[in-house]
Amino acid sequence: MRFAAAQSYDTPGTGMFAPEVLGPTVDRLAEFAIGTGRVALPLAERGVPVSGIELSKPMVDQLRTQADEAAIPVVVGDMAAARVPGEFQLVYLVYNGISVLLTQAEQVACFRNAARHLAPGGRFVIELWVPELRKLPPGQQGVVFGSAPGYIGLDTYDVLRQQVVSHHFGFDAEGDREASLFRSPHRYIWPAELDLMAELAGMTLESRHADWTGAEFTAESRSHVSVYRTVGPL
C-alpha cells in the first residue's frame, strides 16, 4: 500500500501540486530559507538548500526519480525521532503531515525533534486542517470533505480517541473501470493543543493564517498555517 501511495502521490499540475496551491507555499517557505517535504523540489530549484526525513522508502524512491542524494539529502526514519545532520533556520511539516502520527506523545516528540534541528530563533512551520466536528450531527460519524468528478473524500471520526480516517474514493464517471479506495488514518489536533505542544518543545506561536497567502485565520477557517519560533534551550 505504501508503494501504491507513493506512485500516486505526485500529481503534477493538479490538486496539491497545482501552481495556485504550490506557488504561495514555496514563496512563503523560501523566505525562511530551509525545509523538508512536499515542496522540497521547487525550493531546491530556487537555490534553497533542503534536507529531509521520510519514513517511507517508496516515497524516497519516488523523490529519487527527480533529485539525487546530493541535491536533496534524505534521512530514512521517523520524523518524531530521526536526526538530520546540521542546524537549520526552518523545519516545516505541511499538508497535514503531523496528523499521521497517531498519538499525542508522538506528536509532542515531533515538535521536540523539530526544535532540536533549529538554530536559536529558528522556525517550525505547520500546515494543518481544522477538524470539522461541527458538521457531525448526533449519532453520525462521517462527513464528506471533498468531491469532484471521479472523486469523493469522506472522513470518519472517533471523537473519543481523537482519531479520523480519510477515505479517498476514485471512480470513472462513465463506469468503465472499478472504483478505487485509499484510506489514511490521522490523529486530529486543535490549534490550541498544537500551541501547547510547541510550548512543551520550547517554542512559541509567532503567527497563524488561514492559508499560505496570509489570509486571516477565523472560526470558519478549514485549515491553518502556523509558524512557531524557538525561544530558548529545551
Foldseek 3Di string as FASTA:
>chain_A
DLLVCLVPVDDDCDDCNNCVNLVLVLVLVVVQQEEDDDCLVVSLVVVRQYEEEAQDPSNVVSVCVPDNCVSYNYDHDQLLDDADPAAGQEYEDEDARLFLPQDPVSSLSNLLRRLVRYDAFGKYKYKHFADPCVVADPPAFKDWPDDDQQWTWMWGDDVVSQKIKIWIWGDHPVRPDDIDIDIGITRDDHPVRVQVSNVVNQKHWDDKALGSVRHHDDPPRGMIMTMITHDDDD
